[in-house]
Amino acid sequence: MDMVTELKKALSEAAEVPVESLKDDVALAEQGISSFQVVTAYVWLERELNISFQGDQLPDASTATIEEVAKSIEAIRTSR
């Protein structure tokens, strides 16, 4: 499972933007994704992937890119 793809799908749902418009290497805030939308995406991912994580395990959404967040989620997922 490609975590970048899963994260983009979750962010697309949360922010109501097309998946194609999300860039892997640009900070989420620069793409117009709010903190609330990021948290909504995290909740969706927790359900979809059957994992649980705390906010302090993930990079700061205002400066993190999709690639960085996806790597963090993958590390959490494989460590359980």
N, C-alpha and C. Protein backbone atom coordinates (compact mmCIF):
# COMPACT_ATOMS: atom_id res chain seq x y z
N MET A 1 0.86 -1.19 0.00
CA MET A 1 0.00 0.00 0.00
C MET A 1 0.90 1.25 0.00
N ASP A 2 0.61 2.14 -0.91
CA ASP A 2 1.37 3.38 -1.03
C ASP A 2 0.77 4.43 -0.09
N MET A 3 1.51 4.80 0.93
CA MET A 3 0.98 5.72 1.94
C MET A 3 0.76 7.12 1.38
N VAL A 4 1.56 7.55 0.43
CA VAL A 4 1.35 8.86 -0.20
C VAL A 4 -0.02 8.89 -0.86
N THR A 5 -0.35 7.83 -1.58
CA THR A 5 -1.64 7.75 -2.26
C THR A 5 -2.79 7.75 -1.25
N GLU A 6 -2.64 6.98 -0.17
CA GLU A 6 -3.68 6.92 0.86
C GLU A 6 -3.86 8.28 1.53
N LEU A 7 -2.76 8.94 1.84
CA LEU A 7 -2.83 10.26 2.48
C LEU A 7 -3.47 11.27 1.54
N LYS A 8 -3.10 11.24 0.28
CA LYS A 8 -3.70 12.17 -0.68
C LYS A 8 -5.20 11.95 -0.81
N LYS A 9 -5.62 10.68 -0.80
CA LYS A 9 -7.04 10.36 -0.87
C LYS A 9 -7.76 10.93 0.36
N ALA A 10 -7.17 10.76 1.54
CA ALA A 10 -7.77 11.27 2.78
C ALA A 10 -7.82 12.79 2.79
N LEU A 11 -6.75 13.43 2.37
CA LEU A 11 -6.73 14.90 2.32
C LEU A 11 -7.71 15.43 1.29
N SER A 12 -7.82 14.74 0.17
CA SER A 12 -8.77 15.14 -0.87
C SER A 12 -10.19 15.12 -0.33
N GLU A 13 -10.54 14.05 0.39
CA GLU A 13 -11.86 13.95 1.00
C GLU A 13 -12.08 15.05 2.03
N ALA A 14 -11.09 15.25 2.90
CA ALA A 14 -11.23 16.22 3.99
C ALA A 14 -11.31 17.66 3.48
N ALA A 15 -10.51 17.97 2.47
CA ALA A 15 -10.44 19.34 1.97
C ALA A 15 -11.36 19.58 0.77
N GLU A 16 -11.98 18.51 0.30
CA GLU A 16 -12.86 18.59 -0.87
C GLU A 16 -12.15 19.21 -2.06
N VAL A 17 -10.95 18.67 -2.34
CA VAL A 17 -10.17 19.09 -3.51
C VAL A 17 -9.82 17.83 -4.30
N PRO A 18 -9.59 17.97 -5.60
CA PRO A 18 -9.20 16.80 -6.39
C PRO A 18 -7.83 16.26 -5.96
N VAL A 19 -7.70 14.97 -5.94
CA VAL A 19 -6.43 14.34 -5.57
C VAL A 19 -5.31 14.87 -6.47
N GLU A 20 -5.60 15.04 -7.74
CA GLU A 20 -4.58 15.48 -8.71
C GLU A 20 -3.99 16.84 -8.37
N SER A 21 -4.73 17.66 -7.64
CA SER A 21 -4.23 19.00 -7.33
C SER A 21 -3.25 19.01 -6.16
N LEU A 22 -3.16 17.92 -5.42
CA LEU A 22 -2.27 17.86 -4.27
C LEU A 22 -0.85 17.51 -4.70
N LYS A 23 0.11 18.29 -4.22
CA LYS A 23 1.51 18.09 -4.58
C LYS A 23 2.24 17.43 -3.41
N ASP A 24 3.05 16.43 -3.72
CA ASP A 24 3.75 15.66 -2.69
C ASP A 24 4.81 16.45 -1.95
N ASP A 25 5.43 17.43 -2.62
CA ASP A 25 6.59 18.10 -2.05
C ASP A 25 6.36 19.56 -1.68
N VAL A 26 5.11 19.95 -1.47
CA VAL A 26 4.77 21.31 -1.06
C VAL A 26 4.05 21.22 0.28
N ALA A 27 4.40 22.13 1.20
CA ALA A 27 3.78 22.12 2.53
C ALA A 27 2.25 22.14 2.41
N LEU A 28 1.61 21.40 3.30
CA LEU A 28 0.15 21.30 3.25
C LEU A 28 -0.50 22.67 3.38
N ALA A 29 -0.01 23.50 4.28
CA ALA A 29 -0.59 24.83 4.47
C ALA A 29 -0.48 25.67 3.19
N GLU A 30 0.62 25.52 2.48
CA GLU A 30 0.81 26.26 1.22
C GLU A 30 -0.18 25.79 0.16
N GLN A 31 -0.71 24.59 0.32
CA GLN A 31 -1.69 24.06 -0.62
C GLN A 31 -3.12 24.39 -0.20
N GLY A 32 -3.25 25.16 0.89
CA GLY A 32 -4.56 25.57 1.35
C GLY A 32 -5.26 24.55 2.23
N ILE A 33 -4.49 23.57 2.75
CA ILE A 33 -5.06 22.54 3.63
C ILE A 33 -4.97 23.06 5.07
N SER A 34 -6.12 23.19 5.73
CA SER A 34 -6.15 23.70 7.10
C SER A 34 -5.80 22.61 8.11
N SER A 35 -5.48 23.02 9.32
CA SER A 35 -5.19 22.07 10.39
C SER A 35 -6.39 21.15 10.64
N PHE A 36 -7.59 21.70 10.61
CA PHE A 36 -8.79 20.90 10.81
C PHE A 36 -8.91 19.83 9.73
N GLN A 37 -8.63 20.19 8.49
CA GLN A 37 -8.71 19.23 7.40
C GLN A 37 -7.66 18.13 7.54
N VAL A 38 -6.48 18.50 8.03
CA VAL A 38 -5.43 17.51 8.26
C VAL A 38 -5.87 16.52 9.34
N VAL A 39 -6.42 17.04 10.43
CA VAL A 39 -6.89 16.16 11.52
C VAL A 39 -8.01 15.25 11.01
N THR A 40 -8.91 15.78 10.21
CA THR A 40 -9.98 14.98 9.62
C THR A 40 -9.38 13.85 8.77
N ALA A 41 -8.35 14.16 8.01
CA ALA A 41 -7.68 13.14 7.19
C ALA A 41 -7.03 12.08 8.07
N TYR A 42 -6.43 12.50 9.18
CA TYR A 42 -5.81 11.54 10.10
C TYR A 42 -6.84 10.58 10.68
N VAL A 43 -8.00 11.11 11.05
CA VAL A 43 -9.06 10.27 11.60
C VAL A 43 -9.51 9.26 10.54
N TRP A 44 -9.67 9.71 9.32
CA TRP A 44 -10.06 8.83 8.23
C TRP A 44 -9.02 7.72 8.05
N LEU A 45 -7.73 8.10 8.08
CA LEU A 45 -6.66 7.12 7.91
C LEU A 45 -6.63 6.12 9.05
N GLU A 46 -6.87 6.58 10.26
CA GLU A 46 -6.89 5.66 11.40
C GLU A 46 -7.94 4.57 11.18
N ARG A 47 -9.10 4.97 10.72
CA ARG A 47 -10.17 3.99 10.44
C ARG A 47 -9.81 3.08 9.27
N GLU A 48 -9.35 3.66 8.19
CA GLU A 48 -9.04 2.89 6.98
C GLU A 48 -7.89 1.90 7.20
N LEU A 49 -6.88 2.32 7.95
CA LEU A 49 -5.68 1.51 8.12
C LEU A 49 -5.67 0.73 9.43
N ASN A 50 -6.72 0.94 10.23
CA ASN A 50 -6.82 0.29 11.53
C ASN A 50 -5.58 0.54 12.39
N ILE A 51 -5.20 1.81 12.47
CA ILE A 51 -4.07 2.21 13.30
C ILE A 51 -4.52 3.35 14.21
N SER A 52 -3.68 3.67 15.16
CA SER A 52 -3.95 4.79 16.05
C SER A 52 -2.64 5.52 16.28
N PHE A 53 -2.71 6.84 16.21
CA PHE A 53 -1.51 7.62 16.49
C PHE A 53 -1.87 8.92 17.16
N GLN A 54 -0.88 9.49 17.83
CA GLN A 54 -1.04 10.77 18.51
C GLN A 54 -0.47 11.87 17.62
N GLY A 55 -0.98 13.07 17.78
CA GLY A 55 -0.51 14.20 16.98
C GLY A 55 0.96 14.47 17.10
N ASP A 56 1.54 14.20 18.28
CA ASP A 56 2.96 14.48 18.46
C ASP A 56 3.84 13.46 17.73
N GLN A 57 3.26 12.42 17.16
CA GLN A 57 4.01 11.45 16.38
C GLN A 57 4.15 11.90 14.92
N LEU A 58 3.43 12.95 14.55
CA LEU A 58 3.41 13.40 13.17
C LEU A 58 4.05 14.78 13.04
N PRO A 59 4.62 15.09 11.89
CA PRO A 59 5.23 16.41 11.70
C PRO A 59 4.18 17.53 11.70
N ASP A 60 4.64 18.74 11.93
CA ASP A 60 3.77 19.92 11.93
C ASP A 60 3.13 20.08 10.56
N ALA A 61 1.81 20.00 10.52
CA ALA A 61 1.09 20.01 9.24
C ALA A 61 1.25 21.32 8.49
N SER A 62 1.55 22.41 9.18
CA SER A 62 1.67 23.69 8.47
C SER A 62 2.94 23.74 7.62
N THR A 63 3.96 22.99 8.01
CA THR A 63 5.22 23.03 7.27
C THR A 63 5.56 21.71 6.60
N ALA A 64 4.87 20.64 6.97
CA ALA A 64 5.17 19.31 6.43
C ALA A 64 4.60 19.14 5.03
N THR A 65 5.27 18.30 4.26
CA THR A 65 4.78 17.94 2.94
C THR A 65 4.02 16.61 3.03
N ILE A 66 3.31 16.27 2.00
CA ILE A 66 2.61 14.98 1.96
C ILE A 66 3.62 13.84 2.10
N GLU A 67 4.75 13.96 1.45
CA GLU A 67 5.78 12.91 1.54
C GLU A 67 6.24 12.72 2.98
N GLU A 68 6.49 13.82 3.70
CA GLU A 68 6.96 13.74 5.09
C GLU A 68 5.91 13.12 6.01
N VAL A 69 4.67 13.55 5.86
CA VAL A 69 3.60 13.01 6.69
C VAL A 69 3.39 11.53 6.37
N ALA A 70 3.42 11.17 5.10
CA ALA A 70 3.23 9.77 4.70
C ALA A 70 4.32 8.88 5.30
N LYS A 71 5.56 9.34 5.31
CA LYS A 71 6.65 8.57 5.91
C LYS A 71 6.41 8.36 7.39
N SER A 72 5.94 9.38 8.08
CA SER A 72 5.66 9.27 9.51
C SER A 72 4.54 8.28 9.78
N ILE A 73 3.48 8.34 8.98
CA ILE A 73 2.35 7.43 9.16
C ILE A 73 2.80 5.99 8.87
N GLU A 74 3.60 5.81 7.84
CA GLU A 74 4.08 4.47 7.50
C GLU A 74 4.94 3.92 8.64
N ALA A 75 5.77 4.75 9.23
CA ALA A 75 6.62 4.30 10.34
C ALA A 75 5.77 3.87 11.53
N ILE A 76 4.72 4.62 11.81
CA ILE A 76 3.80 4.28 12.91
C ILE A 76 3.10 2.97 12.58
N ARG A 77 2.65 2.84 11.37
CA ARG A 77 1.91 1.65 10.95
C ARG A 77 2.76 0.39 11.05
N THR A 78 4.01 0.47 10.64
CA THR A 78 4.87 -0.71 10.66
C THR A 78 5.41 -1.01 12.05
N SER A 79 5.37 -0.05 12.96
CA SER A 79 5.89 -0.27 14.31
C SER A 79 4.89 -0.93 15.25
N ARG A 80 3.65 -1.05 14.84
CA ARG A 80 2.65 -1.62 15.75
C ARG A 80 2.63 -3.11 15.75
